[in-house]
N, C-alpha and C. Protein backbone atom coordinates (compact mmCIF):
# COMPACT_ATOMS: atom_id res chain seq x y z
N MET A 1 0.86 -1.19 0.00
CA MET A 1 0.00 0.00 0.00
C MET A 1 0.89 1.24 0.00
N ALA A 2 0.48 2.24 -0.74
CA ALA A 2 1.32 3.42 -0.92
C ALA A 2 1.08 4.48 0.14
N TRP A 3 0.08 4.29 0.99
CA TRP A 3 -0.35 5.39 1.86
C TRP A 3 0.70 5.82 2.86
N LEU A 4 1.44 4.87 3.47
CA LEU A 4 2.34 5.23 4.56
C LEU A 4 3.51 6.05 4.03
N SER A 5 4.05 5.65 2.88
CA SER A 5 5.16 6.43 2.33
C SER A 5 4.71 7.80 1.89
N CYS A 6 3.44 7.93 1.47
CA CYS A 6 2.92 9.25 1.11
C CYS A 6 2.82 10.14 2.35
N LEU A 7 2.45 9.54 3.48
CA LEU A 7 2.28 10.32 4.70
C LEU A 7 3.61 10.74 5.29
N LEU A 8 4.58 9.82 5.31
CA LEU A 8 5.82 10.06 6.02
C LEU A 8 6.97 10.43 5.11
N GLY A 9 6.80 10.25 3.82
CA GLY A 9 7.88 10.56 2.89
C GLY A 9 8.64 9.32 2.49
N ARG A 10 8.88 9.14 1.21
CA ARG A 10 9.60 7.97 0.72
C ARG A 10 10.96 7.91 1.38
N GLY A 11 11.22 6.75 2.01
CA GLY A 11 12.50 6.56 2.68
C GLY A 11 12.44 6.89 4.17
N ALA A 12 11.29 7.41 4.66
CA ALA A 12 11.19 7.74 6.07
C ALA A 12 11.00 6.49 6.92
N VAL A 13 10.47 5.43 6.32
CA VAL A 13 10.33 4.15 7.01
C VAL A 13 10.87 3.08 6.09
N GLY A 14 11.20 1.94 6.68
CA GLY A 14 11.64 0.84 5.84
C GLY A 14 13.08 1.02 5.39
N ARG A 15 13.44 0.25 4.36
CA ARG A 15 14.81 0.22 3.89
C ARG A 15 14.85 0.75 2.46
N ALA A 16 15.77 1.63 2.18
CA ALA A 16 15.87 2.22 0.85
C ALA A 16 16.71 1.31 -0.04
N THR A 17 16.09 0.25 -0.55
CA THR A 17 16.81 -0.73 -1.37
C THR A 17 16.54 -0.55 -2.85
N GLY A 18 15.59 0.32 -3.20
CA GLY A 18 15.31 0.54 -4.60
C GLY A 18 14.24 -0.34 -5.18
N HIS A 19 13.64 -1.25 -4.40
CA HIS A 19 12.64 -2.16 -4.93
C HIS A 19 11.34 -1.44 -5.28
N ASP A 20 11.10 -0.22 -4.75
CA ASP A 20 9.87 0.48 -5.11
C ASP A 20 10.07 1.32 -6.37
N SER A 21 11.23 1.22 -7.01
CA SER A 21 11.46 1.88 -8.28
C SER A 21 11.03 0.93 -9.38
N VAL A 22 9.90 1.23 -10.03
CA VAL A 22 9.30 0.32 -10.99
C VAL A 22 9.55 0.85 -12.39
N LEU A 23 10.02 -0.02 -13.28
CA LEU A 23 10.37 0.40 -14.63
C LEU A 23 9.14 0.46 -15.52
N ILE A 24 8.26 1.40 -15.21
CA ILE A 24 6.99 1.51 -15.93
C ILE A 24 7.07 2.32 -17.22
N PRO A 25 7.84 3.41 -17.30
CA PRO A 25 7.68 4.35 -18.42
C PRO A 25 7.81 3.77 -19.82
N GLU A 26 8.45 2.62 -19.98
CA GLU A 26 8.63 2.06 -21.32
C GLU A 26 7.30 1.88 -22.05
N CYS A 27 6.25 1.53 -21.36
CA CYS A 27 4.96 1.27 -22.00
C CYS A 27 4.07 2.49 -22.07
N VAL A 28 4.50 3.60 -21.50
CA VAL A 28 3.63 4.77 -21.38
C VAL A 28 3.20 5.34 -22.73
N PRO A 29 4.06 5.48 -23.73
CA PRO A 29 3.59 6.03 -25.00
C PRO A 29 2.44 5.23 -25.62
N GLU A 30 2.54 3.91 -25.57
CA GLU A 30 1.47 3.08 -26.13
C GLU A 30 0.19 3.20 -25.31
N LEU A 31 0.33 3.22 -24.00
CA LEU A 31 -0.85 3.38 -23.14
C LEU A 31 -1.50 4.74 -23.38
N THR A 32 -0.68 5.78 -23.50
CA THR A 32 -1.21 7.13 -23.72
C THR A 32 -1.99 7.20 -25.01
N ALA A 33 -1.45 6.61 -26.07
CA ALA A 33 -2.15 6.61 -27.36
C ALA A 33 -3.48 5.89 -27.24
N ARG A 34 -3.48 4.77 -26.51
CA ARG A 34 -4.73 4.01 -26.34
C ARG A 34 -5.77 4.84 -25.58
N VAL A 35 -5.33 5.55 -24.57
CA VAL A 35 -6.26 6.38 -23.78
C VAL A 35 -6.84 7.50 -24.64
N LEU A 36 -5.98 8.20 -25.37
CA LEU A 36 -6.44 9.35 -26.14
C LEU A 36 -7.30 8.95 -27.33
N GLN A 37 -7.16 7.71 -27.80
CA GLN A 37 -7.98 7.23 -28.91
C GLN A 37 -9.30 6.63 -28.44
N SER A 38 -9.44 6.44 -27.15
CA SER A 38 -10.65 5.80 -26.62
C SER A 38 -11.82 6.77 -26.56
N GLU A 39 -13.01 6.21 -26.46
CA GLU A 39 -14.22 7.01 -26.35
C GLU A 39 -14.57 7.24 -24.88
N PRO A 40 -15.03 8.44 -24.53
CA PRO A 40 -15.49 8.68 -23.16
C PRO A 40 -16.69 7.78 -22.83
N ARG A 41 -16.69 7.22 -21.65
CA ARG A 41 -17.80 6.36 -21.22
C ARG A 41 -18.37 6.78 -19.87
N CYS A 42 -17.83 7.87 -19.33
CA CYS A 42 -18.32 8.40 -18.06
C CYS A 42 -18.63 9.88 -18.30
N GLY A 43 -19.79 10.13 -18.91
CA GLY A 43 -20.06 11.48 -19.39
C GLY A 43 -19.09 11.81 -20.50
N ARG A 44 -18.41 12.94 -20.39
CA ARG A 44 -17.39 13.32 -21.37
C ARG A 44 -15.98 12.98 -20.90
N THR A 45 -15.91 12.22 -19.82
CA THR A 45 -14.62 11.87 -19.23
C THR A 45 -14.16 10.49 -19.68
N ARG A 46 -12.90 10.40 -20.06
CA ARG A 46 -12.27 9.11 -20.31
C ARG A 46 -11.71 8.63 -18.97
N LEU A 47 -12.36 7.68 -18.37
CA LEU A 47 -11.91 7.13 -17.10
C LEU A 47 -10.93 6.00 -17.38
N VAL A 48 -9.74 6.10 -16.80
CA VAL A 48 -8.72 5.06 -16.92
C VAL A 48 -8.57 4.39 -15.56
N CYS A 49 -8.86 3.11 -15.49
CA CYS A 49 -8.72 2.36 -14.24
C CYS A 49 -7.44 1.54 -14.31
N ILE A 50 -6.57 1.72 -13.32
CA ILE A 50 -5.31 0.98 -13.24
C ILE A 50 -5.38 0.11 -11.99
N ASP A 51 -5.61 -1.18 -12.22
CA ASP A 51 -5.85 -2.11 -11.12
C ASP A 51 -4.75 -3.15 -11.07
N GLY A 52 -4.77 -3.94 -10.03
CA GLY A 52 -3.78 -4.99 -9.83
C GLY A 52 -3.40 -5.06 -8.37
N PRO A 53 -2.66 -6.07 -7.98
CA PRO A 53 -2.33 -6.26 -6.57
C PRO A 53 -1.38 -5.20 -6.03
N ALA A 54 -1.40 -5.04 -4.72
CA ALA A 54 -0.56 -4.05 -4.05
C ALA A 54 0.91 -4.33 -4.31
N GLY A 55 1.67 -3.27 -4.59
CA GLY A 55 3.09 -3.40 -4.81
C GLY A 55 3.48 -3.73 -6.24
N SER A 56 2.50 -3.76 -7.16
CA SER A 56 2.81 -4.14 -8.54
C SER A 56 3.33 -2.98 -9.38
N GLY A 57 3.04 -1.73 -8.97
CA GLY A 57 3.53 -0.58 -9.72
C GLY A 57 2.44 0.32 -10.26
N LYS A 58 1.24 0.20 -9.74
CA LYS A 58 0.10 0.98 -10.26
C LYS A 58 0.27 2.48 -10.05
N THR A 59 0.72 2.88 -8.89
CA THR A 59 0.84 4.31 -8.59
C THR A 59 1.89 4.96 -9.48
N THR A 60 3.00 4.27 -9.69
CA THR A 60 4.05 4.77 -10.57
C THR A 60 3.52 4.93 -11.99
N LEU A 61 2.81 3.92 -12.46
CA LEU A 61 2.25 3.97 -13.81
C LEU A 61 1.22 5.08 -13.94
N ALA A 62 0.37 5.22 -12.95
CA ALA A 62 -0.66 6.26 -12.99
C ALA A 62 -0.04 7.65 -13.11
N ALA A 63 1.00 7.91 -12.34
CA ALA A 63 1.66 9.21 -12.40
C ALA A 63 2.26 9.47 -13.77
N ALA A 64 2.87 8.44 -14.37
CA ALA A 64 3.49 8.60 -15.68
C ALA A 64 2.46 8.85 -16.77
N VAL A 65 1.36 8.10 -16.75
CA VAL A 65 0.31 8.28 -17.75
C VAL A 65 -0.36 9.64 -17.57
N ALA A 66 -0.59 10.05 -16.32
CA ALA A 66 -1.20 11.35 -16.06
C ALA A 66 -0.38 12.48 -16.66
N ARG A 67 0.93 12.40 -16.49
CA ARG A 67 1.80 13.42 -17.08
C ARG A 67 1.74 13.37 -18.60
N ALA A 68 1.75 12.16 -19.16
CA ALA A 68 1.81 12.00 -20.61
C ALA A 68 0.56 12.52 -21.31
N VAL A 69 -0.58 12.47 -20.65
CA VAL A 69 -1.82 12.95 -21.29
C VAL A 69 -2.08 14.42 -20.98
N GLY A 70 -1.13 15.07 -20.33
CA GLY A 70 -1.27 16.51 -20.12
C GLY A 70 -1.68 16.93 -18.73
N GLY A 71 -1.50 16.06 -17.76
CA GLY A 71 -1.80 16.44 -16.38
C GLY A 71 -3.17 16.01 -15.90
N ALA A 72 -3.55 14.77 -16.14
CA ALA A 72 -4.86 14.27 -15.72
C ALA A 72 -4.92 14.13 -14.20
N PRO A 73 -6.09 14.38 -13.60
CA PRO A 73 -6.24 14.11 -12.17
C PRO A 73 -6.08 12.62 -11.89
N VAL A 74 -5.49 12.29 -10.76
CA VAL A 74 -5.34 10.89 -10.33
C VAL A 74 -6.02 10.72 -8.99
N VAL A 75 -6.92 9.76 -8.92
CA VAL A 75 -7.58 9.40 -7.66
C VAL A 75 -6.97 8.08 -7.19
N HIS A 76 -6.48 8.06 -5.95
CA HIS A 76 -5.86 6.87 -5.39
C HIS A 76 -6.87 6.12 -4.53
N MET A 77 -7.04 4.84 -4.80
CA MET A 77 -7.98 4.04 -4.02
C MET A 77 -7.57 4.00 -2.55
N ASP A 78 -6.28 4.15 -2.25
CA ASP A 78 -5.83 4.19 -0.86
C ASP A 78 -6.56 5.28 -0.07
N ASP A 79 -6.96 6.35 -0.76
CA ASP A 79 -7.66 7.44 -0.09
C ASP A 79 -9.12 7.10 0.18
N LEU A 80 -9.64 6.07 -0.50
CA LEU A 80 -11.06 5.73 -0.40
C LEU A 80 -11.32 4.54 0.51
N TYR A 81 -10.27 3.73 0.77
CA TYR A 81 -10.45 2.59 1.68
C TYR A 81 -10.68 3.10 3.10
N GLN A 82 -11.45 2.34 3.85
CA GLN A 82 -11.64 2.67 5.27
C GLN A 82 -10.75 1.73 6.09
N GLY A 83 -9.44 1.89 5.89
CA GLY A 83 -8.48 1.10 6.65
C GLY A 83 -8.13 -0.22 5.97
N TRP A 84 -7.28 -1.01 6.66
CA TRP A 84 -6.78 -2.27 6.13
C TRP A 84 -7.88 -3.29 5.90
N ASP A 85 -8.98 -3.20 6.64
CA ASP A 85 -10.03 -4.21 6.55
C ASP A 85 -11.12 -3.86 5.55
N GLN A 86 -10.88 -2.87 4.71
CA GLN A 86 -11.86 -2.43 3.73
C GLN A 86 -12.26 -3.58 2.78
N PRO A 87 -13.57 -3.94 2.73
CA PRO A 87 -14.00 -4.91 1.71
C PRO A 87 -13.82 -4.30 0.32
N LEU A 88 -13.43 -5.14 -0.64
CA LEU A 88 -13.08 -4.64 -1.96
C LEU A 88 -14.19 -4.85 -3.00
N GLY A 89 -15.37 -5.20 -2.60
CA GLY A 89 -16.43 -5.52 -3.54
C GLY A 89 -17.44 -4.42 -3.76
N ALA A 90 -18.72 -4.81 -3.69
CA ALA A 90 -19.81 -3.93 -4.10
C ALA A 90 -19.91 -2.66 -3.26
N HIS A 91 -19.65 -2.76 -1.96
CA HIS A 91 -19.78 -1.57 -1.11
C HIS A 91 -18.78 -0.49 -1.52
N LEU A 92 -17.55 -0.91 -1.80
CA LEU A 92 -16.53 0.05 -2.23
C LEU A 92 -16.88 0.62 -3.60
N ALA A 93 -17.36 -0.22 -4.50
CA ALA A 93 -17.77 0.26 -5.83
C ALA A 93 -18.89 1.28 -5.71
N GLY A 94 -19.82 1.06 -4.78
CA GLY A 94 -20.91 2.02 -4.56
C GLY A 94 -20.40 3.35 -4.07
N ARG A 95 -19.36 3.31 -3.25
CA ARG A 95 -18.75 4.54 -2.74
C ARG A 95 -18.11 5.32 -3.90
N VAL A 96 -17.39 4.62 -4.76
CA VAL A 96 -16.77 5.27 -5.93
C VAL A 96 -17.84 5.86 -6.84
N ASP A 97 -18.91 5.12 -7.02
CA ASP A 97 -20.01 5.59 -7.88
C ASP A 97 -20.63 6.87 -7.34
N ALA A 98 -20.99 6.85 -6.06
CA ALA A 98 -21.69 7.99 -5.47
C ALA A 98 -20.79 9.22 -5.38
N TRP A 99 -19.54 9.03 -5.02
CA TRP A 99 -18.65 10.17 -4.81
C TRP A 99 -18.08 10.73 -6.11
N LEU A 100 -17.86 9.85 -7.10
CA LEU A 100 -17.10 10.26 -8.28
C LEU A 100 -17.81 10.01 -9.61
N LEU A 101 -18.21 8.78 -9.88
CA LEU A 101 -18.71 8.45 -11.21
C LEU A 101 -20.00 9.16 -11.57
N THR A 102 -20.95 9.18 -10.64
CA THR A 102 -22.23 9.85 -10.93
C THR A 102 -22.04 11.33 -11.20
N PRO A 103 -21.28 12.06 -10.40
CA PRO A 103 -21.03 13.47 -10.75
C PRO A 103 -20.31 13.63 -12.09
N TRP A 104 -19.30 12.81 -12.36
CA TRP A 104 -18.58 12.94 -13.63
C TRP A 104 -19.49 12.69 -14.82
N GLU A 105 -20.39 11.73 -14.69
CA GLU A 105 -21.32 11.45 -15.79
C GLU A 105 -22.18 12.67 -16.11
N ALA A 106 -22.47 13.45 -15.11
CA ALA A 106 -23.27 14.66 -15.29
C ALA A 106 -22.43 15.89 -15.62
N GLY A 107 -21.12 15.69 -15.78
CA GLY A 107 -20.23 16.81 -16.08
C GLY A 107 -19.90 17.66 -14.87
N LEU A 108 -20.11 17.12 -13.67
CA LEU A 108 -19.89 17.86 -12.43
C LEU A 108 -18.60 17.41 -11.75
N THR A 109 -18.14 18.22 -10.83
CA THR A 109 -16.96 17.88 -10.04
C THR A 109 -17.32 16.81 -9.01
N GLY A 110 -16.55 15.73 -9.00
CA GLY A 110 -16.73 14.73 -7.96
C GLY A 110 -15.94 15.13 -6.72
N LYS A 111 -16.27 14.52 -5.61
CA LYS A 111 -15.50 14.78 -4.38
C LYS A 111 -15.55 13.55 -3.49
N HIS A 112 -14.49 13.38 -2.75
CA HIS A 112 -14.41 12.24 -1.84
C HIS A 112 -13.62 12.64 -0.59
N PRO A 113 -13.95 12.05 0.55
CA PRO A 113 -13.12 12.29 1.73
C PRO A 113 -11.85 11.46 1.63
N ARG A 114 -10.75 12.00 2.10
CA ARG A 114 -9.47 11.27 2.09
C ARG A 114 -9.29 10.58 3.43
N TYR A 115 -9.08 9.27 3.37
CA TYR A 115 -8.91 8.51 4.61
C TYR A 115 -7.56 8.83 5.24
N ASP A 116 -7.58 9.12 6.52
CA ASP A 116 -6.38 9.41 7.30
C ASP A 116 -5.94 8.11 7.98
N TRP A 117 -4.86 7.51 7.46
CA TRP A 117 -4.41 6.21 7.96
C TRP A 117 -3.78 6.31 9.34
N VAL A 118 -3.35 7.48 9.74
CA VAL A 118 -2.78 7.66 11.08
C VAL A 118 -3.88 7.78 12.12
N LEU A 119 -4.89 8.60 11.82
CA LEU A 119 -5.99 8.81 12.76
C LEU A 119 -7.06 7.73 12.67
N GLY A 120 -7.07 6.98 11.55
CA GLY A 120 -8.04 5.90 11.42
C GLY A 120 -9.44 6.38 11.10
N ARG A 121 -9.57 7.46 10.34
CA ARG A 121 -10.89 7.96 9.98
C ARG A 121 -10.77 8.83 8.73
N PHE A 122 -11.92 9.04 8.07
CA PHE A 122 -11.94 9.93 6.92
C PHE A 122 -11.76 11.37 7.39
N GLY A 123 -11.04 12.15 6.57
CA GLY A 123 -10.77 13.53 6.91
C GLY A 123 -11.26 14.50 5.86
N GLU A 124 -10.35 15.31 5.34
CA GLU A 124 -10.71 16.38 4.42
C GLU A 124 -11.33 15.84 3.13
N TRP A 125 -12.21 16.66 2.53
CA TRP A 125 -12.81 16.33 1.25
C TRP A 125 -11.95 16.85 0.11
N VAL A 126 -11.79 16.03 -0.91
CA VAL A 126 -10.97 16.36 -2.08
C VAL A 126 -11.88 16.47 -3.30
N GLN A 127 -11.75 17.54 -4.05
CA GLN A 127 -12.55 17.73 -5.25
C GLN A 127 -11.78 17.23 -6.47
N VAL A 128 -12.49 16.53 -7.36
CA VAL A 128 -11.88 15.99 -8.58
C VAL A 128 -12.76 16.37 -9.76
N PRO A 129 -12.31 17.27 -10.62
CA PRO A 129 -13.15 17.73 -11.72
C PRO A 129 -13.39 16.65 -12.77
N ALA A 130 -14.45 16.84 -13.55
CA ALA A 130 -14.75 15.93 -14.65
C ALA A 130 -13.86 16.29 -15.83
N ALA A 131 -12.58 15.98 -15.72
CA ALA A 131 -11.59 16.33 -16.73
C ALA A 131 -11.74 15.42 -17.95
N PRO A 132 -11.12 15.79 -19.08
CA PRO A 132 -11.17 14.91 -20.25
C PRO A 132 -10.65 13.50 -19.97
N VAL A 133 -9.62 13.40 -19.12
CA VAL A 133 -9.09 12.11 -18.68
C VAL A 133 -8.95 12.15 -17.17
N VAL A 134 -9.44 11.12 -16.49
CA VAL A 134 -9.23 10.96 -15.05
C VAL A 134 -8.72 9.54 -14.82
N ILE A 135 -7.71 9.42 -13.97
CA ILE A 135 -7.13 8.11 -13.67
C ILE A 135 -7.53 7.69 -12.27
N LEU A 136 -8.09 6.50 -12.16
CA LEU A 136 -8.44 5.89 -10.87
C LEU A 136 -7.51 4.71 -10.70
N GLU A 137 -6.63 4.77 -9.69
CA GLU A 137 -5.64 3.71 -9.54
C GLU A 137 -5.70 3.09 -8.16
N GLY A 138 -5.45 1.78 -8.13
CA GLY A 138 -5.41 1.08 -6.86
C GLY A 138 -6.18 -0.23 -6.93
N CYS A 139 -6.00 -1.05 -5.91
CA CYS A 139 -6.70 -2.33 -5.85
C CYS A 139 -8.21 -2.10 -5.85
N ALA A 140 -8.91 -2.78 -6.75
CA ALA A 140 -10.36 -2.71 -6.92
C ALA A 140 -10.82 -1.45 -7.63
N SER A 141 -9.90 -0.73 -8.28
CA SER A 141 -10.31 0.45 -9.05
C SER A 141 -11.13 0.06 -10.28
N ALA A 142 -10.93 -1.17 -10.77
CA ALA A 142 -11.65 -1.62 -11.96
C ALA A 142 -12.63 -2.74 -11.63
N THR A 143 -13.15 -2.71 -10.43
CA THR A 143 -14.07 -3.75 -10.01
C THR A 143 -15.40 -3.64 -10.75
N THR A 144 -16.19 -4.71 -10.70
CA THR A 144 -17.53 -4.68 -11.27
C THR A 144 -18.31 -3.52 -10.67
N GLY A 145 -19.01 -2.79 -11.51
CA GLY A 145 -19.74 -1.62 -11.06
C GLY A 145 -18.98 -0.33 -11.28
N VAL A 146 -17.69 -0.46 -11.60
CA VAL A 146 -16.85 0.71 -11.93
C VAL A 146 -16.35 0.60 -13.36
N ARG A 147 -15.85 -0.58 -13.72
CA ARG A 147 -15.18 -0.71 -15.02
C ARG A 147 -16.11 -0.56 -16.22
N ASP A 148 -17.42 -0.68 -16.01
CA ASP A 148 -18.34 -0.50 -17.15
C ASP A 148 -18.34 0.94 -17.64
N ARG A 149 -17.83 1.87 -16.84
CA ARG A 149 -17.75 3.26 -17.27
C ARG A 149 -16.32 3.70 -17.56
N ALA A 150 -15.41 2.74 -17.58
CA ALA A 150 -14.01 3.04 -17.90
C ALA A 150 -13.78 2.95 -19.40
N SER A 151 -13.03 3.90 -19.92
CA SER A 151 -12.62 3.85 -21.33
C SER A 151 -11.48 2.87 -21.55
N VAL A 152 -10.59 2.77 -20.56
CA VAL A 152 -9.46 1.84 -20.63
C VAL A 152 -9.24 1.25 -19.24
N VAL A 153 -9.10 -0.08 -19.19
CA VAL A 153 -8.77 -0.77 -17.94
C VAL A 153 -7.39 -1.40 -18.11
N ILE A 154 -6.48 -1.05 -17.21
CA ILE A 154 -5.10 -1.54 -17.25
C ILE A 154 -4.85 -2.40 -16.00
N TRP A 155 -4.30 -3.57 -16.21
CA TRP A 155 -3.95 -4.46 -15.11
C TRP A 155 -2.43 -4.51 -15.00
N VAL A 156 -1.90 -4.28 -13.79
CA VAL A 156 -0.45 -4.33 -13.53
C VAL A 156 -0.19 -5.47 -12.56
N GLU A 157 0.81 -6.29 -12.88
CA GLU A 157 1.09 -7.44 -12.03
C GLU A 157 2.58 -7.66 -11.86
N ALA A 158 2.91 -8.34 -10.78
CA ALA A 158 4.30 -8.72 -10.48
C ALA A 158 4.22 -9.90 -9.52
N PRO A 159 5.29 -10.69 -9.40
CA PRO A 159 5.27 -11.84 -8.49
C PRO A 159 4.96 -11.43 -7.05
N VAL A 160 4.26 -12.29 -6.34
CA VAL A 160 3.82 -11.96 -4.99
C VAL A 160 4.99 -11.66 -4.06
N SER A 161 6.09 -12.41 -4.20
CA SER A 161 7.25 -12.18 -3.31
C SER A 161 7.87 -10.81 -3.56
N LEU A 162 7.94 -10.40 -4.81
CA LEU A 162 8.50 -9.09 -5.13
C LEU A 162 7.59 -7.99 -4.62
N ARG A 163 6.29 -8.18 -4.75
CA ARG A 163 5.35 -7.16 -4.28
C ARG A 163 5.43 -6.99 -2.77
N LEU A 164 5.55 -8.10 -2.05
CA LEU A 164 5.68 -8.02 -0.60
C LEU A 164 7.00 -7.34 -0.23
N GLU A 165 8.07 -7.68 -0.93
CA GLU A 165 9.37 -7.06 -0.65
C GLU A 165 9.32 -5.56 -0.88
N ARG A 166 8.71 -5.15 -1.99
CA ARG A 166 8.57 -3.71 -2.26
C ARG A 166 7.76 -3.03 -1.16
N GLY A 167 6.67 -3.67 -0.76
CA GLY A 167 5.81 -3.07 0.25
C GLY A 167 6.51 -2.87 1.58
N LEU A 168 7.28 -3.89 2.00
CA LEU A 168 7.97 -3.79 3.28
C LEU A 168 9.17 -2.85 3.20
N ASP A 169 9.83 -2.81 2.04
CA ASP A 169 10.89 -1.82 1.85
C ASP A 169 10.33 -0.41 2.02
N ARG A 170 9.12 -0.22 1.53
CA ARG A 170 8.51 1.11 1.52
C ARG A 170 7.87 1.46 2.86
N ASP A 171 7.16 0.50 3.46
CA ASP A 171 6.34 0.80 4.63
C ASP A 171 6.93 0.30 5.95
N GLY A 172 7.89 -0.61 5.89
CA GLY A 172 8.52 -1.10 7.11
C GLY A 172 8.03 -2.48 7.52
N ASP A 173 8.91 -3.25 8.15
CA ASP A 173 8.59 -4.61 8.54
C ASP A 173 7.46 -4.70 9.57
N ALA A 174 7.20 -3.62 10.30
CA ALA A 174 6.15 -3.64 11.31
C ALA A 174 4.77 -3.90 10.70
N LEU A 175 4.64 -3.67 9.39
CA LEU A 175 3.35 -3.85 8.72
C LEU A 175 3.27 -5.15 7.93
N GLU A 176 4.19 -6.09 8.19
CA GLU A 176 4.19 -7.33 7.41
C GLU A 176 2.89 -8.10 7.57
N ALA A 177 2.36 -8.19 8.78
CA ALA A 177 1.11 -8.94 8.97
C ALA A 177 -0.04 -8.32 8.18
N GLN A 178 -0.12 -6.99 8.20
CA GLN A 178 -1.17 -6.32 7.43
C GLN A 178 -0.99 -6.55 5.94
N TRP A 179 0.24 -6.50 5.47
CA TRP A 179 0.51 -6.73 4.05
C TRP A 179 0.10 -8.14 3.63
N ARG A 180 0.48 -9.13 4.42
CA ARG A 180 0.16 -10.52 4.07
C ARG A 180 -1.36 -10.74 4.08
N SER A 181 -2.04 -10.19 5.06
CA SER A 181 -3.49 -10.31 5.12
C SER A 181 -4.14 -9.64 3.92
N TRP A 182 -3.64 -8.45 3.57
CA TRP A 182 -4.19 -7.73 2.41
C TRP A 182 -3.98 -8.54 1.13
N GLN A 183 -2.81 -9.14 0.98
CA GLN A 183 -2.54 -9.93 -0.22
C GLN A 183 -3.52 -11.09 -0.36
N GLU A 184 -3.85 -11.72 0.74
CA GLU A 184 -4.82 -12.83 0.69
C GLU A 184 -6.20 -12.32 0.28
N ARG A 185 -6.61 -11.20 0.86
CA ARG A 185 -7.96 -10.69 0.57
C ARG A 185 -8.06 -10.13 -0.84
N GLU A 186 -7.00 -9.46 -1.32
CA GLU A 186 -7.07 -8.92 -2.67
C GLU A 186 -7.08 -10.06 -3.70
N ALA A 187 -6.33 -11.14 -3.44
CA ALA A 187 -6.32 -12.27 -4.35
C ALA A 187 -7.70 -12.90 -4.45
N ALA A 188 -8.38 -13.03 -3.31
CA ALA A 188 -9.73 -13.58 -3.32
C ALA A 188 -10.69 -12.67 -4.08
N HIS A 189 -10.54 -11.36 -3.89
CA HIS A 189 -11.40 -10.41 -4.60
C HIS A 189 -11.18 -10.50 -6.10
N PHE A 190 -9.93 -10.48 -6.53
CA PHE A 190 -9.64 -10.50 -7.97
C PHE A 190 -10.15 -11.78 -8.62
N ALA A 191 -10.02 -12.91 -7.91
CA ALA A 191 -10.50 -14.18 -8.46
C ALA A 191 -12.02 -14.16 -8.64
N ALA A 192 -12.72 -13.62 -7.65
CA ALA A 192 -14.18 -13.58 -7.72
C ALA A 192 -14.67 -12.56 -8.74
N ASP A 193 -13.95 -11.46 -8.87
CA ASP A 193 -14.38 -10.36 -9.74
C ASP A 193 -13.97 -10.56 -11.19
N GLY A 194 -12.94 -11.35 -11.44
CA GLY A 194 -12.45 -11.53 -12.81
C GLY A 194 -11.81 -10.29 -13.38
N THR A 195 -11.16 -9.50 -12.52
CA THR A 195 -10.62 -8.21 -12.94
C THR A 195 -9.56 -8.34 -14.03
N ARG A 196 -8.62 -9.25 -13.85
CA ARG A 196 -7.54 -9.38 -14.83
C ARG A 196 -8.08 -9.72 -16.22
N ALA A 197 -9.02 -10.63 -16.27
CA ALA A 197 -9.58 -11.05 -17.56
C ALA A 197 -10.36 -9.92 -18.23
N ALA A 198 -10.86 -8.98 -17.44
CA ALA A 198 -11.66 -7.88 -17.98
C ALA A 198 -10.80 -6.71 -18.45
N ALA A 199 -9.48 -6.77 -18.19
CA ALA A 199 -8.61 -5.64 -18.53
C ALA A 199 -8.38 -5.55 -20.03
N ASP A 200 -8.21 -4.33 -20.50
CA ASP A 200 -7.88 -4.08 -21.90
C ASP A 200 -6.40 -4.28 -22.18
N LEU A 201 -5.56 -3.96 -21.18
CA LEU A 201 -4.11 -4.01 -21.34
C LEU A 201 -3.48 -4.60 -20.08
N LEU A 202 -2.45 -5.41 -20.26
CA LEU A 202 -1.72 -6.01 -19.15
C LEU A 202 -0.30 -5.48 -19.13
N VAL A 203 0.17 -5.06 -17.97
CA VAL A 203 1.52 -4.51 -17.83
C VAL A 203 2.31 -5.35 -16.83
N ASP A 204 3.53 -5.70 -17.20
CA ASP A 204 4.44 -6.41 -16.31
C ASP A 204 5.09 -5.39 -15.39
N GLY A 205 4.76 -5.43 -14.12
CA GLY A 205 5.28 -4.46 -13.17
C GLY A 205 6.75 -4.62 -12.85
N ARG A 206 7.38 -5.72 -13.32
CA ARG A 206 8.83 -5.87 -13.13
C ARG A 206 9.61 -5.10 -14.18
N THR A 207 9.10 -5.08 -15.40
CA THR A 207 9.84 -4.51 -16.53
C THR A 207 9.22 -3.24 -17.08
N GLY A 208 7.93 -3.00 -16.80
CA GLY A 208 7.24 -1.86 -17.38
C GLY A 208 6.79 -2.08 -18.80
N ARG A 209 6.84 -3.33 -19.26
CA ARG A 209 6.45 -3.63 -20.63
C ARG A 209 5.01 -4.17 -20.68
N LEU A 210 4.37 -3.92 -21.81
CA LEU A 210 3.06 -4.51 -22.05
C LEU A 210 3.22 -6.01 -22.26
N GLU A 211 2.28 -6.77 -21.69
CA GLU A 211 2.28 -8.21 -21.92
C GLU A 211 1.42 -8.52 -23.13
N SER A 212 1.82 -9.54 -23.88
CA SER A 212 1.07 -9.91 -25.08
C SER A 212 -0.08 -10.84 -24.72
């Protein structure tokens, strides 16, 4: 999960071994072209969902694609979860729909509260305009009930051991139990939801290359 390093600063916890440096940019030009050629399916907004297991490289990819398309807003699912025990199914999809998708479909600014992982509760509200391109990244960003309004769904993957190593390098060994529990729950969610099979594009989070 990317939340702790965002709160404390990359390198403030854990070990700076370089495992959270993901070689994503190689595929960005092709992804950008695919996004810009796609049709809007959420009002006039091209919604790009970047899904996949924690530690695979979704946040890195989202930032690179956002820059490449001219500065698209990025919504991080980490901000929408209600802690480590957040269910990843219909309830979360309903939250995304009510806070973001329904307003965007109407051409309005969406807004969501940002979860404070230190205080353990939702805090400030964040406004997200109905831009020409909006990127929603994180585990369950392309779940059923969300992906039907996405113009492009991207799945990012990497071996489970590498993802755990990246996560602990970034967030610290004290969170190993939470990471392992999350990995089990996200795997169950993805299997039930069929997220990978529903993706338009697959990215290897080890190399940053598109998978055939």
